[in-house]
Amino acid sequence: MADSNDEPTVPVVCEACDTTNRVALDDVAATVAQHNERVHGGEPVAEVDPDVTSALHDLLAADVVEED
């Protein structure tokens, strides 16, 4: 779990466990992988909040369009 400092955090959700947690940006991939391995036998159940992922995709797509 992320400390309460200035480090950016990302919401991670696991619908199967009915949990949401904020994780330090640098730790997201490892935290999600560890949770899925430990709790769900490696199945990709926990994930970055889909709303955040969608917003990030939109920002990246807009940036790519601006470069063209």
PDB file of N, CA and C in Angstrom:
ATOM      1  N   MET A   1       0.851  -1.178   0.000  1.00  0.00           N
ATOM      2  CA  MET A   1       0.000   0.000   0.000  1.00  0.00           C
ATOM      3  C   MET A   1       0.895   1.238   0.000  1.00  0.00           C
ATOM      4  N   ALA A   2       0.475   2.278  -0.626  1.00  0.00           N
ATOM      5  CA  ALA A   2       1.269   3.490  -0.761  1.00  0.00           C
ATOM      6  C   ALA A   2       1.287   4.291   0.540  1.00  0.00           C
ATOM      7  N   ASP A   3       2.418   4.932   0.795  1.00  0.00           N
ATOM      8  CA  ASP A   3       2.521   5.834   1.938  1.00  0.00           C
ATOM      9  C   ASP A   3       1.790   7.121   1.627  1.00  0.00           C
ATOM     10  N   SER A   4       1.456   7.870   2.661  1.00  0.00           N
ATOM     11  CA  SER A   4       0.780   9.154   2.436  1.00  0.00           C
ATOM     12  C   SER A   4       1.833  10.237   2.240  1.00  0.00           C
ATOM     13  N   ASN A   5       2.480  10.229   1.074  1.00  0.00           N
ATOM     14  CA  ASN A   5       3.442  11.268   0.714  1.00  0.00           C
ATOM     15  C   ASN A   5       3.055  11.826  -0.648  1.00  0.00           C
ATOM     16  N   ASP A   6       3.983  12.460  -1.312  1.00  0.00           N
ATOM     17  CA  ASP A   6       3.664  13.097  -2.589  1.00  0.00           C
ATOM     18  C   ASP A   6       3.764  12.153  -3.778  1.00  0.00           C
ATOM     19  N   GLU A   7       4.083  10.892  -3.558  1.00  0.00           N
ATOM     20  CA  GLU A   7       4.208   9.942  -4.654  1.00  0.00           C
ATOM     21  C   GLU A   7       2.826   9.672  -5.266  1.00  0.00           C
ATOM     22  N   PRO A   8       2.726   9.718  -6.596  1.00  0.00           N
ATOM     23  CA  PRO A   8       1.438   9.465  -7.235  1.00  0.00           C
ATOM     24  C   PRO A   8       0.962   8.040  -6.955  1.00  0.00           C
ATOM     25  N   THR A   9      -0.353   7.891  -6.772  1.00  0.00           N
ATOM     26  CA  THR A   9      -0.935   6.576  -6.567  1.00  0.00           C
ATOM     27  C   THR A   9      -1.980   6.305  -7.637  1.00  0.00           C
ATOM     28  N   VAL A  10      -2.254   5.036  -7.823  1.00  0.00           N
ATOM     29  CA  VAL A  10      -3.190   4.586  -8.849  1.00  0.00           C
ATOM     30  C   VAL A  10      -4.205   3.661  -8.174  1.00  0.00           C
ATOM     31  N   PRO A  11      -5.498   3.824  -8.477  1.00  0.00           N
ATOM     32  CA  PRO A  11      -6.473   2.906  -7.896  1.00  0.00           C
ATOM     33  C   PRO A  11      -6.425   1.542  -8.592  1.00  0.00           C
ATOM     34  N   VAL A  12      -6.342   0.499  -7.779  1.00  0.00           N
ATOM     35  CA  VAL A  12      -6.355  -0.874  -8.273  1.00  0.00           C
ATOM     36  C   VAL A  12      -7.624  -1.524  -7.728  1.00  0.00           C
ATOM     37  N   VAL A  13      -8.369  -2.178  -8.600  1.00  0.00           N
ATOM     38  CA  VAL A  13      -9.621  -2.807  -8.189  1.00  0.00           C
ATOM     39  C   VAL A  13      -9.568  -4.305  -8.437  1.00  0.00           C
ATOM     40  N   CYS A  14     -10.258  -5.020  -7.568  1.00  0.00           N
ATOM     41  CA  CYS A  14     -10.451  -6.456  -7.754  1.00  0.00           C
ATOM     42  C   CYS A  14     -11.923  -6.724  -7.481  1.00  0.00           C
ATOM     43  N   GLU A  15     -12.670  -6.892  -8.552  1.00  0.00           N
ATOM     44  CA  GLU A  15     -14.113  -7.114  -8.402  1.00  0.00           C
ATOM     45  C   GLU A  15     -14.398  -8.443  -7.703  1.00  0.00           C
ATOM     46  N   ALA A  16     -13.560  -9.441  -7.918  1.00  0.00           N
ATOM     47  CA  ALA A  16     -13.777 -10.743  -7.288  1.00  0.00           C
ATOM     48  C   ALA A  16     -13.650 -10.650  -5.772  1.00  0.00           C
ATOM     49  N   CYS A  17     -12.736  -9.821  -5.293  1.00  0.00           N
ATOM     50  CA  CYS A  17     -12.532  -9.635  -3.851  1.00  0.00           C
ATOM     51  C   CYS A  17     -13.353  -8.472  -3.310  1.00  0.00           C
ATOM     52  N   ASP A  18     -13.983  -7.712  -4.209  1.00  0.00           N
ATOM     53  CA  ASP A  18     -14.739  -6.518  -3.854  1.00  0.00           C
ATOM     54  C   ASP A  18     -13.857  -5.524  -3.103  1.00  0.00           C
ATOM     55  N   THR A  19     -12.655  -5.284  -3.661  1.00  0.00           N
ATOM     56  CA  THR A  19     -11.709  -4.366  -3.023  1.00  0.00           C
ATOM     57  C   THR A  19     -11.209  -3.316  -4.007  1.00  0.00           C
ATOM     58  N   THR A  20     -10.849  -2.178  -3.449  1.00  0.00           N
ATOM     59  CA  THR A  20     -10.167  -1.115  -4.181  1.00  0.00           C
ATOM     60  C   THR A  20      -9.041  -0.641  -3.283  1.00  0.00           C
ATOM     61  N   ASN A  21      -7.881  -0.409  -3.871  1.00  0.00           N
ATOM     62  CA  ASN A  21      -6.721   0.012  -3.116  1.00  0.00           C
ATOM     63  C   ASN A  21      -5.954   1.021  -3.950  1.00  0.00           C
ATOM     64  N   ARG A  22      -5.313   1.972  -3.303  1.00  0.00           N
ATOM     65  CA  ARG A  22      -4.457   2.914  -4.020  1.00  0.00           C
ATOM     66  C   ARG A  22      -3.024   2.457  -3.839  1.00  0.00           C
ATOM     67  N   VAL A  23      -2.306   2.340  -4.940  1.00  0.00           N
ATOM     68  CA  VAL A  23      -0.954   1.794  -4.948  1.00  0.00           C
ATOM     69  C   VAL A  23      -0.017   2.819  -5.574  1.00  0.00           C
ATOM     70  N   ALA A  24       1.182   2.923  -5.019  1.00  0.00           N
ATOM     71  CA  ALA A  24       2.187   3.819  -5.590  1.00  0.00           C
ATOM     72  C   ALA A  24       2.404   3.470  -7.062  1.00  0.00           C
ATOM     73  N   LEU A  25       2.518   4.480  -7.889  1.00  0.00           N
ATOM     74  CA  LEU A  25       2.654   4.292  -9.333  1.00  0.00           C
ATOM     75  C   LEU A  25       3.767   3.301  -9.666  1.00  0.00           C
ATOM     76  N   ASP A  26       4.900   3.418  -8.992  1.00  0.00           N
ATOM     77  CA  ASP A  26       6.034   2.528  -9.255  1.00  0.00           C
ATOM     78  C   ASP A  26       5.743   1.069  -8.892  1.00  0.00           C
ATOM     79  N   ASP A  27       4.760   0.831  -8.040  1.00  0.00           N
ATOM     80  CA  ASP A  27       4.477  -0.517  -7.543  1.00  0.00           C
ATOM     81  C   ASP A  27       3.259  -1.175  -8.183  1.00  0.00           C
ATOM     82  N   VAL A  28       2.586  -0.492  -9.099  1.00  0.00           N
ATOM     83  CA  VAL A  28       1.318  -0.999  -9.640  1.00  0.00           C
ATOM     84  C   VAL A  28       1.467  -2.369 -10.285  1.00  0.00           C
ATOM     85  N   ALA A  29       2.364  -2.507 -11.213  1.00  0.00           N
ATOM     86  CA  ALA A  29       2.483  -3.771 -11.946  1.00  0.00           C
ATOM     87  C   ALA A  29       2.787  -4.932 -11.005  1.00  0.00           C
ATOM     88  N   ALA A  30       3.741  -4.742 -10.111  1.00  0.00           N
ATOM     89  CA  ALA A  30       4.110  -5.816  -9.185  1.00  0.00           C
ATOM     90  C   ALA A  30       2.972  -6.140  -8.226  1.00  0.00           C
ATOM     91  N   THR A  31       2.288  -5.131  -7.732  1.00  0.00           N
ATOM     92  CA  THR A  31       1.193  -5.351  -6.786  1.00  0.00           C
ATOM     93  C   THR A  31       0.050  -6.119  -7.437  1.00  0.00           C
ATOM     94  N   VAL A  32      -0.328  -5.729  -8.637  1.00  0.00           N
ATOM     95  CA  VAL A  32      -1.410  -6.419  -9.342  1.00  0.00           C
ATOM     96  C   VAL A  32      -1.000  -7.861  -9.633  1.00  0.00           C
ATOM     97  N   ALA A  33       0.208  -8.062 -10.125  1.00  0.00           N
ATOM     98  CA  ALA A  33       0.679  -9.413 -10.435  1.00  0.00           C
ATOM     99  C   ALA A  33       0.720 -10.290  -9.185  1.00  0.00           C
ATOM    100  N   GLN A  34       1.228  -9.745  -8.098  1.00  0.00           N
ATOM    101  CA  GLN A  34       1.314 -10.512  -6.850  1.00  0.00           C
ATOM    102  C   GLN A  34      -0.074 -10.875  -6.330  1.00  0.00           C
ATOM    103  N   HIS A  35      -0.993  -9.925  -6.358  1.00  0.00           N
ATOM    104  CA  HIS A  35      -2.359 -10.201  -5.897  1.00  0.00           C
ATOM    105  C   HIS A  35      -2.981 -11.303  -6.743  1.00  0.00           C
ATOM    106  N   ASN A  36      -2.880 -11.148  -8.052  1.00  0.00           N
ATOM    107  CA  ASN A  36      -3.493 -12.134  -8.940  1.00  0.00           C
ATOM    108  C   ASN A  36      -2.872 -13.516  -8.763  1.00  0.00           C
ATOM    109  N   GLU A  37      -1.576 -13.577  -8.574  1.00  0.00           N
ATOM    110  CA  GLU A  37      -0.905 -14.862  -8.364  1.00  0.00           C
ATOM    111  C   GLU A  37      -1.314 -15.485  -7.031  1.00  0.00           C
ATOM    112  N   ARG A  38      -1.271 -14.685  -5.990  1.00  0.00           N
ATOM    113  CA  ARG A  38      -1.543 -15.177  -4.630  1.00  0.00           C
ATOM    114  C   ARG A  38      -3.015 -15.542  -4.423  1.00  0.00           C
ATOM    115  N   VAL A  39      -3.913 -14.696  -4.910  1.00  0.00           N
ATOM    116  CA  VAL A  39      -5.336 -14.863  -4.591  1.00  0.00           C
ATOM    117  C   VAL A  39      -6.115 -15.567  -5.710  1.00  0.00           C
ATOM    118  N   HIS A  40      -5.711 -15.372  -6.953  1.00  0.00           N
ATOM    119  CA  HIS A  40      -6.510 -15.857  -8.074  1.00  0.00           C
ATOM    120  C   HIS A  40      -5.766 -16.850  -8.970  1.00  0.00           C
ATOM    121  N   GLY A  41      -4.728 -17.475  -8.428  1.00  0.00           N
ATOM    122  CA  GLY A  41      -4.009 -18.494  -9.182  1.00  0.00           C
ATOM    123  C   GLY A  41      -3.398 -17.996 -10.476  1.00  0.00           C
ATOM    124  N   GLY A  42      -3.064 -16.710 -10.530  1.00  0.00           N
ATOM    125  CA  GLY A  42      -2.439 -16.131 -11.707  1.00  0.00           C
ATOM    126  C   GLY A  42      -3.411 -15.572 -12.736  1.00  0.00           C
ATOM    127  N   GLU A  43      -4.700 -15.792 -12.539  1.00  0.00           N
ATOM    128  CA  GLU A  43      -5.693 -15.231 -13.468  1.00  0.00           C
ATOM    129  C   GLU A  43      -5.708 -13.706 -13.345  1.00  0.00           C
ATOM    130  N   PRO A  44      -5.812 -12.982 -14.451  1.00  0.00           N
ATOM    131  CA  PRO A  44      -5.780 -11.508 -14.421  1.00  0.00           C
ATOM    132  C   PRO A  44      -7.108 -10.914 -13.950  1.00  0.00           C
ATOM    133  N   VAL A  45      -7.344 -10.963 -12.650  1.00  0.00           N
ATOM    134  CA  VAL A  45      -8.611 -10.490 -12.089  1.00  0.00           C
ATOM    135  C   VAL A  45      -8.481  -9.050 -11.595  1.00  0.00           C
ATOM    136  N   ALA A  46      -7.505  -8.792 -10.723  1.00  0.00           N
ATOM    137  CA  ALA A  46      -7.264  -7.426 -10.249  1.00  0.00           C
ATOM    138  C   ALA A  46      -6.645  -6.623 -11.386  1.00  0.00           C
ATOM    139  N   GLU A  47      -6.943  -5.323 -11.405  1.00  0.00           N
ATOM    140  CA  GLU A  47      -6.450  -4.465 -12.477  1.00  0.00           C
ATOM    141  C   GLU A  47      -6.487  -3.009 -12.040  1.00  0.00           C
ATOM    142  N   VAL A  48      -5.784  -2.185 -12.787  1.00  0.00           N
ATOM    143  CA  VAL A  48      -5.903  -0.744 -12.582  1.00  0.00           C
ATOM    144  C   VAL A  48      -7.352  -0.387 -12.881  1.00  0.00           C
ATOM    145  N   ASP A  49      -7.905   0.526 -12.096  1.00  0.00           N
ATOM    146  CA  ASP A  49      -9.296   0.945 -12.281  1.00  0.00           C
ATOM    147  C   ASP A  49      -9.547   1.203 -13.767  1.00  0.00           C
ATOM    148  N   PRO A  50     -10.522   0.526 -14.360  1.00  0.00           N
ATOM    149  CA  PRO A  50     -10.787   0.689 -15.797  1.00  0.00           C
ATOM    150  C   PRO A  50     -11.072   2.125 -16.219  1.00  0.00           C
ATOM    151  N   ASP A  51     -11.661   2.930 -15.353  1.00  0.00           N
ATOM    152  CA  ASP A  51     -11.900   4.339 -15.700  1.00  0.00           C
ATOM    153  C   ASP A  51     -10.584   5.091 -15.865  1.00  0.00           C
ATOM    154  N   VAL A  52      -9.611   4.773 -15.021  1.00  0.00           N
ATOM    155  CA  VAL A  52      -8.293   5.414 -15.118  1.00  0.00           C
ATOM    156  C   VAL A  52      -7.592   4.950 -16.387  1.00  0.00           C
ATOM    157  N   THR A  53      -7.665   3.661 -16.664  1.00  0.00           N
ATOM    158  CA  THR A  53      -7.043   3.117 -17.871  1.00  0.00           C
ATOM    159  C   THR A  53      -7.643   3.755 -19.121  1.00  0.00           C
ATOM    160  N   SER A  54      -8.953   3.895 -19.153  1.00  0.00           N
ATOM    161  CA  SER A  54      -9.625   4.501 -20.297  1.00  0.00           C
ATOM    162  C   SER A  54      -9.210   5.961 -20.478  1.00  0.00           C
ATOM    163  N   ALA A  55      -9.155   6.701 -19.379  1.00  0.00           N
ATOM    164  CA  ALA A  55      -8.751   8.105 -19.449  1.00  0.00           C
ATOM    165  C   ALA A  55      -7.314   8.232 -19.950  1.00  0.00           C
ATOM    166  N   LEU A  56      -6.443   7.341 -19.488  1.00  0.00           N
ATOM    167  CA  LEU A  56      -5.052   7.365 -19.944  1.00  0.00           C
ATOM    168  C   LEU A  56      -4.962   7.049 -21.430  1.00  0.00           C
ATOM    169  N   HIS A  57      -5.722   6.074 -21.898  1.00  0.00           N
ATOM    170  CA  HIS A  57      -5.745   5.758 -23.332  1.00  0.00           C
ATOM    171  C   HIS A  57      -6.200   6.958 -24.153  1.00  0.00           C
ATOM    172  N   ASP A  58      -7.225   7.654 -23.672  1.00  0.00           N
ATOM    173  CA  ASP A  58      -7.716   8.837 -24.376  1.00  0.00           C
ATOM    174  C   ASP A  58      -6.642   9.918 -24.466  1.00  0.00           C
ATOM    175  N   LEU A  59      -5.929  10.145 -23.354  1.00  0.00           N
ATOM    176  CA  LEU A  59      -4.863  11.153 -23.346  1.00  0.00           C
ATOM    177  C   LEU A  59      -3.737  10.773 -24.299  1.00  0.00           C
ATOM    178  N   LEU A  60      -3.355   9.510 -24.285  1.00  0.00           N
ATOM    179  CA  LEU A  60      -2.285   9.065 -25.176  1.00  0.00           C
ATOM    180  C   LEU A  60      -2.703   9.161 -26.638  1.00  0.00           C
ATOM    181  N   ALA A  61      -3.931   8.799 -26.933  1.00  0.00           N
ATOM    182  CA  ALA A  61      -4.423   8.891 -28.313  1.00  0.00           C
ATOM    183  C   ALA A  61      -4.447  10.338 -28.786  1.00  0.00           C
ATOM    184  N   ALA A  62      -4.880  11.244 -27.920  1.00  0.00           N
ATOM    185  CA  ALA A  62      -4.907  12.661 -28.278  1.00  0.00           C
ATOM    186  C   ALA A  62      -3.500  13.172 -28.523  1.00  0.00           C
ATOM    187  N   ASP A  63      -2.548  12.704 -27.736  1.00  0.00           N
ATOM    188  CA  ASP A  63      -1.159  13.127 -27.898  1.00  0.00           C
ATOM    189  C   ASP A  63      -0.593  12.617 -29.229  1.00  0.00           C
ATOM    190  N   VAL A  64      -0.921  11.401 -29.596  1.00  0.00           N
ATOM    191  CA  VAL A  64      -0.450  10.829 -30.862  1.00  0.00           C
ATOM    192  C   VAL A  64      -1.035  11.601 -32.041  1.00  0.00           C
ATOM    193  N   VAL A  65      -2.310  11.948 -31.964  1.00  0.00           N
ATOM    194  CA  VAL A  65      -2.973  12.694 -33.038  1.00  0.00           C
ATOM    195  C   VAL A  65      -2.323  14.071 -33.186  1.00  0.00           C
ATOM    196  N   GLU A  66      -1.989  14.706 -32.069  1.00  0.00           N
ATOM    197  CA  GLU A  66      -1.363  16.038 -32.123  1.00  0.00           C
ATOM    198  C   GLU A  66       0.001  15.987 -32.779  1.00  0.00           C
ATOM    199  N   GLU A  67       0.720  14.870 -32.626  1.00  0.00           N
ATOM    200  CA  GLU A  67       2.060  14.735 -33.215  1.00  0.00           C
ATOM    201  C   GLU A  67       2.022  14.580 -34.714  1.00  0.00           C
ATOM    202  N   ASP A  68       0.907  14.063 -35.258  1.00  0.00           N
ATOM    203  CA  ASP A  68       0.812  13.827 -36.709  1.00  0.00           C
ATOM    204  C   ASP A  68       0.617  15.071 -37.467  1.00  0.00           C
TER     205      ASP A  68
END
